[in-house]
Amino acid sequence: MTFPGLLTLTVFLPALAALAILVFVRGDRMVRGFALAVGLADLLLSVAVFLALDRGEGAARFQLVDRITWISAETLNASYFLGVDGLSAPMVLLTGLLGFCAIIASWSIRERVREYFIWLLLLQKAVMGVFTSLDFLLFFLFWELELLPMYMLIANWGTGRKTYSAMKFLIFTILGSAFMLVAIVAVAASQAAVSFDMTLLLEPGSMLNGASAALPLSLLFWLFFAAFAVKLPTWPVHTWLPDAHTDAPTAASVMLAGVMLKMGGYGLLRVNVGMFPGEVTAFAWLLILLGVISVLYGAVVTIRQTDLKRLIAYSSVSHMGLVLVGIGSVGAAAGQVTGAGLNGAALQLFTHGTITGLLFVGVGLIYEKAHTRYIPDLGGLAARMPVAAAALAIAGFASLGLPGLSGFVSEILVFFGAFRAFPIMTILSVLGIILAAGYILWMLERSLFGPQRERFADLTDASPLEAVPLALLVASIILVGIYPAFLTEVFDTAITRMVDVINVQATGLAGVR
């Protein structure tokens, strides 16, 4: 199916809305209402993108393509080139969903409201652009564009050491982006005619080969990996994340954990796995080692946290390590790689986005009403805030991998796929899930249950508007948990192509390089 302009509208509607707020919209109430309407419209557009994806004969192709020449072939040969496939369409849906939830979670903002929503909408536009760009130069520009809105949101509307945390986030991600820029320039220069077209490098026998590459393929692979590992984040380049989460406003935490970390995982799957099948197979043991370290380190450190937001932040380090564990499944014997591990890694991006989004929305409600995130000071909140407590509990159970919820599905796929390649490493990563059960149940028991405290006697539950993002995210977690084919069949349309190329590369049946 073709819908000209659908992707462009989905990506740029938030930016147009930000411009409208800057120029036309006045009054805090009008700004909030306008931003909410735009968020809902972009969510509906992202749903349309997801539903418009052809799952049939054309599933292996990029679809809904918008393409025009951006910089002429005589100079850089770059294009405005947008498109989606089975890997990126669910990420577009996730961004639309969490963007809408983030706008509602921002309802309590009282200072510089117009400026706040301008930055929040620009952030959503940049992340949408990353997931839909098929030109490397355009991809890099969108990748960099999200830095400024997130920095401004943390530095201006955050709490605690907000300036320090915002600057730390900026420094880490800019350093990672520098590695990516070097790799992109080298890749473009490696082709007979300079091109930033990403689709050319996803095909077997692409022009990116050992004979013509400006840099060794292994070096290009690790340059891209460095940028994506910072964003994921992977141990040991994860240290910016807990500070950023702890001091960010609720909506920024929702977008940061829900979609911005997913940019790193998406880049690993799209670029490192899709474009470097030989290198990802050769280094699979190292990728899964880093993943296992992230899973265990993040889980152990999470147990020691007493701040709700910091606890969720470190748990994200642990859970995003599972993406690398799933990618490690490509280290299976020649010709024996299956799509389970990679599909699990892709599904983990979506499920973790909705789970942590729900966790941060719930914690944000608690902080707004109780004015503390310090776990020892909480307790008995379930009796005062039953709706918010129920949503937080569901998110916690999904995070620890309870069957019937989305977290279980992605984790079991990751473990099943990776066990074929590295059984010992996979067993070690399962320990992270056991530790997750410990810190999640501890957090829920200390925060929501136990004796009621007098200081919280006047707490109110989530309002009808505040309950909307809770309901949407709970529904998505249950839907994927009960009917995972809703997403796995879509991911398979892209993952199957990657697996075929990797198996051909490994068995030497055809010249992929």
Protein backbone atom coordinates (compact mmCIF):
# COMPACT_ATOMS: atom_id res chain seq x y z
CA MET A 1 0.00 0.00 0.00
CA THR A 2 1.18 3.49 -0.75
CA PHE A 3 0.20 6.59 1.16
CA PRO A 4 2.35 9.45 -0.16
CA GLY A 5 3.33 11.89 2.53
CA LEU A 6 2.05 9.81 5.46
CA LEU A 7 5.51 9.35 6.98
CA THR A 8 6.49 12.95 6.40
CA LEU A 9 3.32 14.14 8.12
CA THR A 10 3.88 11.73 11.03
CA VAL A 11 7.46 12.89 11.52
CA PHE A 12 6.96 16.63 11.07
CA LEU A 13 3.52 17.23 12.60
CA PRO A 14 5.05 17.75 16.10
CA ALA A 15 7.56 20.24 14.65
CA LEU A 16 4.80 22.17 12.88
CA ALA A 17 2.85 22.21 16.13
CA ALA A 18 5.89 23.52 17.99
CA LEU A 19 6.18 26.33 15.43
CA ALA A 20 2.48 27.11 15.82
CA ILE A 21 2.85 27.33 19.60
CA LEU A 22 5.82 29.64 19.16
CA VAL A 23 4.04 31.99 16.76
CA PHE A 24 0.29 31.75 17.31
CA VAL A 25 -0.86 29.89 20.42
CA ARG A 26 -1.11 31.94 23.59
CA GLY A 27 -2.15 31.12 27.14
CA ASP A 28 -1.02 28.10 29.15
CA ARG A 29 -4.39 26.40 28.92
CA MET A 30 -4.54 26.82 25.15
CA VAL A 31 -0.97 25.54 24.78
CA ARG A 32 -1.73 22.39 26.78
CA GLY A 33 -4.92 21.71 24.85
CA PHE A 34 -3.26 22.30 21.50
CA ALA A 35 -0.29 20.05 22.38
CA LEU A 36 -2.68 17.33 23.54
CA ALA A 37 -4.64 17.47 20.28
CA VAL A 38 -1.42 17.28 18.26
CA GLY A 39 -0.16 14.38 20.38
CA LEU A 40 -3.39 12.49 19.76
CA ALA A 41 -3.22 13.24 16.03
CA ASP A 42 0.37 11.99 15.83
CA LEU A 43 -0.57 8.86 17.76
CA LEU A 44 -3.33 8.16 15.23
CA LEU A 45 -0.89 8.78 12.38
CA SER A 46 1.62 6.36 13.92
CA VAL A 47 -1.15 3.76 14.23
CA ALA A 48 -1.95 4.36 10.55
CA VAL A 49 1.72 3.79 9.63
CA PHE A 50 1.78 0.54 11.59
CA LEU A 51 -1.48 -0.75 10.08
CA ALA A 52 -0.54 0.32 6.54
CA LEU A 53 2.55 -1.90 6.54
CA ASP A 54 2.18 -4.70 4.01
CA ARG A 55 2.76 -8.04 5.75
CA GLY A 56 2.44 -10.01 2.51
CA GLU A 57 4.66 -10.32 -0.54
CA GLY A 58 6.02 -6.81 -0.17
CA ALA A 59 6.90 -7.22 3.50
CA ALA A 60 10.65 -7.42 2.87
CA ARG A 61 10.71 -4.02 1.16
CA PHE A 62 10.76 -0.58 2.69
CA GLN A 63 7.29 0.91 2.43
CA LEU A 64 5.48 4.27 2.65
CA VAL A 65 8.60 5.78 1.09
CA ASP A 66 8.96 9.56 0.75
CA ARG A 67 12.06 10.51 -1.22
CA ILE A 68 13.40 13.63 -2.89
CA THR A 69 16.91 14.79 -3.71
CA TRP A 70 18.27 16.82 -0.82
CA ILE A 71 21.91 17.50 -1.73
CA SER A 72 22.87 16.93 -5.38
CA ALA A 73 24.88 13.93 -6.55
CA GLU A 74 27.69 16.23 -7.65
CA THR A 75 28.34 17.18 -4.00
CA LEU A 76 27.17 14.71 -1.35
CA ASN A 77 24.39 12.77 -3.10
CA ALA A 78 22.14 12.85 -0.04
CA SER A 79 18.37 12.45 -0.09
CA TYR A 80 15.39 13.22 2.05
CA PHE A 81 14.57 9.52 2.26
CA LEU A 82 11.98 8.15 4.69
CA GLY A 83 10.56 4.64 4.82
CA VAL A 84 9.55 1.90 7.23
CA ASP A 85 9.74 -1.87 7.38
CA GLY A 86 8.90 -4.49 9.99
CA LEU A 87 11.68 -3.26 12.28
CA SER A 88 10.91 0.46 12.25
CA ALA A 89 7.09 0.55 12.02
CA PRO A 90 6.61 -0.73 15.62
CA MET A 91 9.12 1.89 16.80
CA VAL A 92 7.06 4.60 15.12
CA LEU A 93 3.98 3.27 16.90
CA LEU A 94 5.86 3.25 20.22
CA THR A 95 7.00 6.85 19.73
CA GLY A 96 3.50 8.06 18.94
CA LEU A 97 2.07 6.26 21.97
CA LEU A 98 4.66 7.49 24.46
CA GLY A 99 4.68 10.99 22.97
CA PHE A 100 0.95 11.28 23.68
CA CYS A 101 1.42 9.88 27.20
CA ALA A 102 4.30 12.31 27.84
CA ILE A 103 2.11 15.28 26.92
CA ILE A 104 -0.54 14.22 29.44
CA ALA A 105 2.18 13.59 32.04
CA SER A 106 3.23 17.24 31.51
CA TRP A 107 -0.15 18.66 32.57
CA SER A 108 1.21 19.80 35.92
CA ILE A 109 3.95 21.98 34.36
CA ARG A 110 3.38 25.56 35.51
CA GLU A 111 6.53 27.44 34.52
CA ARG A 112 7.29 28.55 30.93
CA VAL A 113 4.61 26.24 29.59
CA ARG A 114 4.88 27.34 25.95
CA GLU A 115 8.61 26.79 25.85
CA TYR A 116 8.28 23.41 27.58
CA PHE A 117 5.82 22.00 25.05
CA ILE A 118 7.84 23.35 22.14
CA TRP A 119 10.87 21.35 23.29
CA LEU A 120 8.80 18.26 24.04
CA LEU A 121 7.22 18.26 20.58
CA LEU A 122 10.58 18.83 18.88
CA LEU A 123 11.95 15.86 20.80
CA GLN A 124 9.17 13.63 19.50
CA LYS A 125 9.81 14.80 15.94
CA ALA A 126 13.54 14.02 16.18
CA VAL A 127 12.99 10.49 17.50
CA MET A 128 10.38 9.80 14.80
CA GLY A 129 12.95 10.91 12.24
CA VAL A 130 15.59 8.48 13.51
CA PHE A 131 13.24 5.50 13.16
CA THR A 132 12.17 6.41 9.61
CA SER A 133 15.35 7.79 7.98
CA LEU A 134 16.90 5.70 5.21
CA ASP A 135 19.63 8.18 4.32
CA PHE A 136 22.64 8.04 6.63
CA LEU A 137 23.17 11.81 6.65
CA LEU A 138 19.50 12.43 7.44
CA PHE A 139 19.65 9.72 10.10
CA PHE A 140 22.60 11.44 11.74
CA LEU A 141 20.89 14.85 11.70
CA PHE A 142 17.78 13.48 13.40
CA TRP A 143 20.01 11.59 15.85
CA GLU A 144 21.73 14.83 16.84
CA LEU A 145 18.55 16.91 16.82
CA GLU A 146 17.13 15.13 19.86
CA LEU A 147 20.05 16.23 22.04
CA LEU A 148 19.02 19.87 22.40
CA PRO A 149 15.36 19.31 23.39
CA MET A 150 16.29 16.70 25.97
CA TYR A 151 19.06 18.89 27.37
CA MET A 152 16.67 21.83 27.68
CA LEU A 153 13.92 19.76 29.31
CA ILE A 154 16.27 18.38 31.96
CA ALA A 155 18.21 21.61 32.58
CA ASN A 156 15.16 23.88 32.82
CA TRP A 157 12.35 21.73 34.26
CA GLY A 158 14.28 19.06 36.10
CA THR A 159 15.05 18.72 39.80
CA GLY A 160 18.16 18.16 41.92
CA ARG A 161 21.44 18.48 40.03
CA LYS A 162 19.58 19.15 36.82
CA THR A 163 22.28 21.19 35.05
CA TYR A 164 24.95 18.63 35.87
CA SER A 165 22.77 15.73 34.69
CA ALA A 166 21.79 17.51 31.49
CA MET A 167 25.40 18.31 30.67
CA LYS A 168 26.51 14.76 31.43
CA PHE A 169 23.85 13.42 29.09
CA LEU A 170 24.98 15.85 26.39
CA ILE A 171 28.69 15.03 26.68
CA PHE A 172 28.22 11.26 26.59
CA THR A 173 25.88 11.29 23.61
CA ILE A 174 27.92 13.81 21.61
CA LEU A 175 31.04 11.69 22.08
CA GLY A 176 29.15 8.66 20.85
CA SER A 177 27.84 10.61 17.87
CA ALA A 178 31.38 11.58 16.90
CA PHE A 179 32.22 7.90 16.37
CA MET A 180 29.11 7.47 14.26
CA LEU A 181 29.93 10.46 12.06
CA VAL A 182 33.38 9.05 11.28
CA ALA A 183 31.80 5.71 10.36
CA ILE A 184 29.12 7.31 8.17
CA VAL A 185 31.69 9.36 6.24
CA ALA A 186 33.84 6.25 5.75
CA VAL A 187 30.86 4.21 4.56
CA ALA A 188 29.79 6.89 2.08
CA ALA A 189 33.34 7.20 0.78
CA SER A 190 33.64 3.43 0.37
CA GLN A 191 31.19 3.31 -2.52
CA ALA A 192 32.00 3.83 -6.16
CA ALA A 193 29.69 6.83 -6.24
CA VAL A 194 29.39 8.61 -2.91
CA SER A 195 26.00 7.80 -1.40
CA PHE A 196 24.34 7.86 2.01
CA ASP A 197 21.58 5.48 0.92
CA MET A 198 21.19 2.98 3.78
CA THR A 199 19.13 0.56 1.71
CA LEU A 200 22.10 -0.16 -0.58
CA LEU A 201 24.05 -1.50 2.38
CA LEU A 202 21.29 -3.83 3.54
CA GLU A 203 21.43 -5.97 0.40
CA PRO A 204 23.62 -9.05 -0.10
CA GLY A 205 26.64 -8.16 -2.18
CA SER A 206 26.45 -4.49 -1.23
CA MET A 207 29.19 -2.10 -2.31
CA LEU A 208 30.49 -2.01 1.28
CA ASN A 209 33.10 -4.75 1.09
CA GLY A 210 36.57 -5.46 2.35
CA ALA A 211 38.23 -4.44 -0.90
CA SER A 212 36.67 -1.00 -1.21
CA ALA A 213 35.99 0.03 2.39
CA ALA A 214 37.81 3.21 3.38
CA LEU A 215 38.34 1.66 6.84
CA PRO A 216 38.43 -2.01 7.87
CA LEU A 217 34.94 -3.43 8.29
CA SER A 218 35.64 -4.44 11.87
CA LEU A 219 36.61 -0.85 12.71
CA LEU A 220 33.47 0.52 11.05
CA PHE A 221 31.42 -2.02 12.99
CA TRP A 222 32.84 -0.87 16.34
CA LEU A 223 32.57 2.81 15.50
CA PHE A 224 28.85 2.38 14.94
CA PHE A 225 28.61 0.16 18.00
CA ALA A 226 30.22 2.83 20.21
CA ALA A 227 27.53 5.37 19.31
CA PHE A 228 24.66 2.95 19.77
CA ALA A 229 26.07 1.45 22.99
CA VAL A 230 26.10 4.88 24.67
CA LYS A 231 22.47 5.44 23.79
CA LEU A 232 21.30 1.91 24.71
CA PRO A 233 23.06 2.25 27.27
CA THR A 234 25.58 -0.56 27.72
CA TRP A 235 28.00 -1.05 30.58
CA PRO A 236 30.45 0.73 31.04
CA VAL A 237 29.08 3.78 29.14
CA HIS A 238 25.81 3.82 31.07
CA THR A 239 26.65 6.25 33.86
CA TRP A 240 24.84 9.23 32.33
CA LEU A 241 21.47 7.46 32.47
CA PRO A 242 20.72 7.27 36.24
CA ASP A 243 21.56 10.96 36.71
CA ALA A 244 19.50 12.03 33.70
CA HIS A 245 16.48 10.00 34.81
CA THR A 246 16.66 11.06 38.44
CA ASP A 247 16.70 14.78 37.66
CA ALA A 248 14.51 14.87 34.52
CA PRO A 249 10.83 15.88 34.60
CA THR A 250 8.40 12.98 34.30
CA ALA A 251 7.67 13.43 30.58
CA ALA A 252 11.39 13.60 29.75
CA SER A 253 11.97 10.38 31.68
CA VAL A 254 9.12 8.72 29.78
CA MET A 255 10.60 9.73 26.42
CA LEU A 256 14.17 9.01 27.50
CA ALA A 257 13.53 5.48 28.75
CA GLY A 258 10.67 4.74 26.40
CA VAL A 259 12.05 5.73 23.00
CA MET A 260 15.46 7.42 23.19
CA LEU A 261 17.20 4.36 24.59
CA LYS A 262 15.49 2.38 21.84
CA MET A 263 17.35 4.46 19.28
CA GLY A 264 20.51 2.63 20.40
CA GLY A 265 18.93 -0.81 20.10
CA TYR A 266 17.35 0.08 16.77
CA GLY A 267 20.73 1.26 15.46
CA LEU A 268 22.39 -1.98 16.53
CA LEU A 269 19.79 -4.06 14.70
CA ARG A 270 19.49 -1.85 11.63
CA VAL A 271 23.17 -1.05 11.12
CA ASN A 272 25.43 -3.47 13.01
CA VAL A 273 23.35 -6.58 12.35
CA GLY A 274 21.80 -5.56 9.04
CA MET A 275 24.89 -4.12 7.34
CA PHE A 276 27.74 -6.08 8.94
CA PRO A 277 26.57 -9.72 9.03
CA GLY A 278 30.11 -11.13 8.99
CA GLU A 279 31.36 -8.84 11.76
CA VAL A 280 28.33 -9.29 14.04
CA THR A 281 28.76 -13.06 13.74
CA ALA A 282 32.48 -12.90 14.48
CA PHE A 283 32.04 -10.63 17.51
CA ALA A 284 28.82 -12.20 18.81
CA TRP A 285 30.66 -13.64 21.84
CA LEU A 286 31.82 -10.16 22.87
CA LEU A 287 28.38 -8.62 22.34
CA ILE A 288 26.67 -11.20 24.52
CA LEU A 289 29.41 -10.82 27.15
CA LEU A 290 28.73 -7.08 27.34
CA GLY A 291 25.02 -7.83 27.45
CA VAL A 292 25.36 -10.28 30.36
CA ILE A 293 27.55 -7.83 32.29
CA SER A 294 24.95 -5.09 31.76
CA VAL A 295 22.12 -7.39 32.85
CA LEU A 296 23.83 -8.52 36.05
CA TYR A 297 25.52 -5.24 36.95
CA GLY A 298 22.33 -3.25 36.41
CA ALA A 299 20.29 -5.70 38.48
CA VAL A 300 22.73 -5.78 41.40
CA VAL A 301 23.02 -1.99 41.54
CA THR A 302 19.24 -1.61 41.26
CA ILE A 303 18.74 -3.59 44.45
CA ARG A 304 20.65 -0.92 46.38
CA GLN A 305 18.57 2.06 45.19
CA THR A 306 16.22 3.95 47.49
CA ASP A 307 14.96 6.54 44.97
CA LEU A 308 12.12 5.27 42.78
CA LYS A 309 13.34 6.96 39.59
CA ARG A 310 16.94 5.89 40.14
CA LEU A 311 15.76 2.33 40.71
CA ILE A 312 13.91 2.30 37.39
CA ALA A 313 16.92 3.87 35.65
CA TYR A 314 19.33 1.16 36.77
CA SER A 315 16.77 -1.52 35.96
CA SER A 316 16.77 -0.13 32.41
CA VAL A 317 20.52 -0.76 32.17
CA SER A 318 19.81 -4.36 33.14
CA HIS A 319 16.86 -4.91 30.84
CA MET A 320 18.45 -3.23 27.83
CA GLY A 321 21.39 -5.60 28.24
CA LEU A 322 18.98 -8.28 27.03
CA VAL A 323 19.01 -6.61 23.61
CA LEU A 324 22.71 -7.48 23.29
CA VAL A 325 22.03 -10.97 24.58
CA GLY A 326 19.45 -11.44 21.83
CA ILE A 327 21.86 -10.10 19.20
CA GLY A 328 24.42 -12.61 20.48
CA SER A 329 22.19 -15.36 19.09
CA VAL A 330 23.82 -14.75 15.70
CA GLY A 331 26.87 -16.59 17.10
CA ALA A 332 25.13 -19.95 16.60
CA ALA A 333 26.70 -22.58 14.37
CA ALA A 334 26.99 -21.77 10.68
CA GLY A 335 23.61 -21.87 9.02
CA GLN A 336 21.81 -22.47 12.34
CA VAL A 337 20.96 -18.89 13.29
CA THR A 338 17.22 -18.45 13.86
CA GLY A 339 15.16 -15.32 14.17
CA ALA A 340 14.08 -15.95 17.77
CA GLY A 341 16.93 -14.06 19.48
CA LEU A 342 16.83 -11.09 17.13
CA ASN A 343 13.05 -10.96 17.26
CA GLY A 344 13.27 -11.03 21.04
CA ALA A 345 15.80 -8.19 20.99
CA ALA A 346 13.50 -6.11 18.76
CA LEU A 347 10.45 -6.95 20.86
CA GLN A 348 12.39 -6.02 24.01
CA LEU A 349 12.76 -2.51 22.60
CA PHE A 350 8.99 -2.14 22.33
CA THR A 351 8.00 -3.89 25.55
CA HIS A 352 10.62 -2.15 27.67
CA GLY A 353 9.44 1.16 26.22
CA THR A 354 5.85 0.64 27.34
CA ILE A 355 6.81 -0.91 30.70
CA THR A 356 9.26 1.80 31.74
CA GLY A 357 6.95 4.45 30.31
CA LEU A 358 4.23 3.18 32.65
CA LEU A 359 6.66 2.98 35.58
CA PHE A 360 7.77 6.57 35.12
CA VAL A 361 4.23 7.88 34.67
CA GLY A 362 3.21 6.10 37.87
CA VAL A 363 6.24 7.32 39.81
CA GLY A 364 5.63 10.83 38.48
CA LEU A 365 2.09 10.76 39.88
CA ILE A 366 3.38 9.60 43.26
CA TYR A 367 6.03 12.30 43.36
CA GLU A 368 3.58 15.02 42.32
CA LYS A 369 1.14 14.11 45.08
CA ALA A 370 3.43 12.79 47.85
CA HIS A 371 6.37 15.11 47.07
CA THR A 372 8.93 12.37 47.64
CA ARG A 373 10.44 9.44 45.75
CA TYR A 374 12.45 8.17 48.72
CA ILE A 375 11.25 4.59 49.21
CA PRO A 376 11.72 4.39 53.02
CA ASP A 377 9.43 7.42 53.39
CA LEU A 378 6.63 5.85 51.36
CA GLY A 379 4.19 3.08 52.21
CA GLY A 380 0.49 2.32 52.19
CA LEU A 381 -0.07 4.26 48.98
CA ALA A 382 -2.26 1.57 47.42
CA ALA A 383 -5.09 2.46 49.78
CA ARG A 384 -4.85 6.16 48.88
CA MET A 385 -4.06 5.83 45.15
CA PRO A 386 -5.53 2.49 43.99
CA VAL A 387 -5.55 3.27 40.26
CA ALA A 388 -1.98 4.54 40.16
CA ALA A 389 -0.84 1.70 42.43
CA ALA A 390 -2.49 -0.95 40.25
CA ALA A 391 -0.82 0.45 37.12
CA LEU A 392 2.56 0.59 38.86
CA ALA A 393 2.15 -3.00 40.06
CA ILE A 394 1.27 -4.24 36.55
CA ALA A 395 4.33 -2.46 35.15
CA GLY A 396 6.46 -4.03 37.88
CA PHE A 397 5.13 -7.53 37.20
CA ALA A 398 5.75 -7.05 33.48
CA SER A 399 9.29 -5.89 34.20
CA LEU A 400 10.09 -9.01 36.20
CA GLY A 401 8.77 -11.20 33.39
CA LEU A 402 5.40 -12.43 34.68
CA PRO A 403 3.74 -14.71 32.05
CA GLY A 404 0.76 -13.09 30.39
CA LEU A 405 2.46 -9.70 30.26
CA SER A 406 4.68 -8.34 27.49
CA GLY A 407 8.01 -8.53 29.33
CA PHE A 408 7.82 -12.32 29.51
CA VAL A 409 7.42 -12.73 25.75
CA SER A 410 10.47 -10.69 24.76
CA GLU A 411 12.64 -12.27 27.44
CA ILE A 412 11.75 -15.86 26.55
CA LEU A 413 12.49 -15.19 22.87
CA VAL A 414 15.87 -13.67 23.77
CA PHE A 415 16.81 -16.60 25.99
CA PHE A 416 15.61 -19.22 23.52
CA GLY A 417 17.56 -17.70 20.62
CA ALA A 418 20.75 -16.98 22.59
CA PHE A 419 20.85 -20.42 24.27
CA ARG A 420 21.64 -22.05 20.92
CA ALA A 421 24.76 -19.93 20.59
CA PHE A 422 26.02 -19.37 24.14
CA PRO A 423 24.18 -21.53 26.72
CA ILE A 424 26.33 -20.59 29.73
CA MET A 425 26.07 -16.86 29.00
CA THR A 426 22.32 -17.20 28.55
CA ILE A 427 21.92 -18.96 31.90
CA LEU A 428 23.89 -16.17 33.57
CA SER A 429 21.61 -13.55 32.01
CA VAL A 430 18.58 -15.38 33.42
CA LEU A 431 19.95 -14.57 36.88
CA GLY A 432 19.19 -10.92 36.09
CA ILE A 433 15.49 -11.80 35.86
CA ILE A 434 15.65 -13.51 39.25
CA LEU A 435 17.24 -10.38 40.72
CA ALA A 436 14.57 -8.28 38.97
CA ALA A 437 11.88 -10.18 40.84
CA GLY A 438 13.65 -9.26 44.08
CA TYR A 439 14.02 -5.52 43.52
CA ILE A 440 10.61 -5.06 41.87
CA LEU A 441 8.72 -6.87 44.63
CA TRP A 442 10.76 -5.03 47.28
CA MET A 443 9.96 -1.70 45.66
CA LEU A 444 6.23 -2.47 45.40
CA GLU A 445 6.00 -3.75 48.97
CA ARG A 446 7.82 -0.77 50.50
CA SER A 447 6.05 1.86 48.37
CA LEU A 448 2.48 0.68 47.92
CA PHE A 449 1.66 -1.64 50.78
CA GLY A 450 2.21 -1.88 54.51
CA PRO A 451 0.76 0.47 57.13
CA GLN A 452 -0.72 3.75 55.93
CA ARG A 453 1.13 6.90 56.94
CA GLU A 454 -0.69 9.90 58.37
CA ARG A 455 1.29 12.31 56.19
CA PHE A 456 -0.39 10.79 53.11
CA ALA A 457 -3.93 10.90 54.48
CA ASP A 458 -4.98 13.60 52.00
CA LEU A 459 -3.47 12.03 48.87
CA THR A 460 -5.76 11.81 45.84
CA ASP A 461 -5.70 9.19 43.11
CA ALA A 462 -5.07 9.77 39.43
CA SER A 463 -7.60 12.10 37.81
CA PRO A 464 -9.50 10.90 34.70
CA LEU A 465 -6.97 12.66 32.45
CA GLU A 466 -4.00 11.28 34.40
CA ALA A 467 -5.49 7.80 34.12
CA VAL A 468 -5.47 7.90 30.30
CA PRO A 469 -1.75 7.14 29.83
CA LEU A 470 -1.95 4.53 32.59
CA ALA A 471 -4.80 2.78 30.77
CA LEU A 472 -3.16 2.97 27.33
CA LEU A 473 0.15 1.56 28.54
CA VAL A 474 -1.46 -1.17 30.65
CA ALA A 475 -3.56 -2.19 27.63
CA SER A 476 -0.46 -2.40 25.39
CA ILE A 477 1.40 -4.51 27.98
CA ILE A 478 -1.49 -6.96 28.31
CA LEU A 479 -2.18 -7.06 24.54
CA VAL A 480 1.39 -8.02 23.65
CA GLY A 481 1.56 -10.42 26.58
CA ILE A 482 -1.56 -12.30 25.48
CA TYR A 483 -1.17 -11.95 21.70
CA PRO A 484 2.54 -11.39 20.93
CA ALA A 485 2.04 -12.14 17.23
CA PHE A 486 0.61 -8.62 17.02
CA LEU A 487 4.27 -7.49 16.99
CA THR A 488 6.43 -10.57 16.40
CA GLU A 489 4.92 -11.21 12.96
CA VAL A 490 5.73 -7.64 11.99
CA PHE A 491 9.30 -7.82 13.31
CA ASP A 492 9.75 -11.15 11.49
CA THR A 493 9.32 -9.49 8.11
CA ALA A 494 12.60 -7.60 8.71
CA ILE A 495 14.39 -10.11 10.96
CA THR A 496 14.00 -12.98 8.48
CA ARG A 497 15.92 -10.99 5.87
CA MET A 498 18.76 -10.35 8.32
CA VAL A 499 18.92 -14.01 9.38
CA ASP A 500 19.05 -15.21 5.78
CA VAL A 501 21.98 -12.93 5.01
CA ILE A 502 23.80 -13.95 8.21
CA ASN A 503 23.38 -17.66 7.46
CA VAL A 504 24.56 -17.23 3.89
CA GLN A 505 27.55 -15.25 5.14
CA ALA A 506 28.40 -17.88 7.74
CA THR A 507 28.10 -20.91 5.45
CA GLY A 508 29.81 -19.29 2.48
CA LEU A 509 27.01 -20.25 0.08
CA ALA A 510 27.13 -16.86 -1.59
CA GLY A 511 29.30 -13.78 -1.55
CA VAL A 512 27.62 -11.38 0.80
CA ARG A 513 30.76 -9.34 0.91
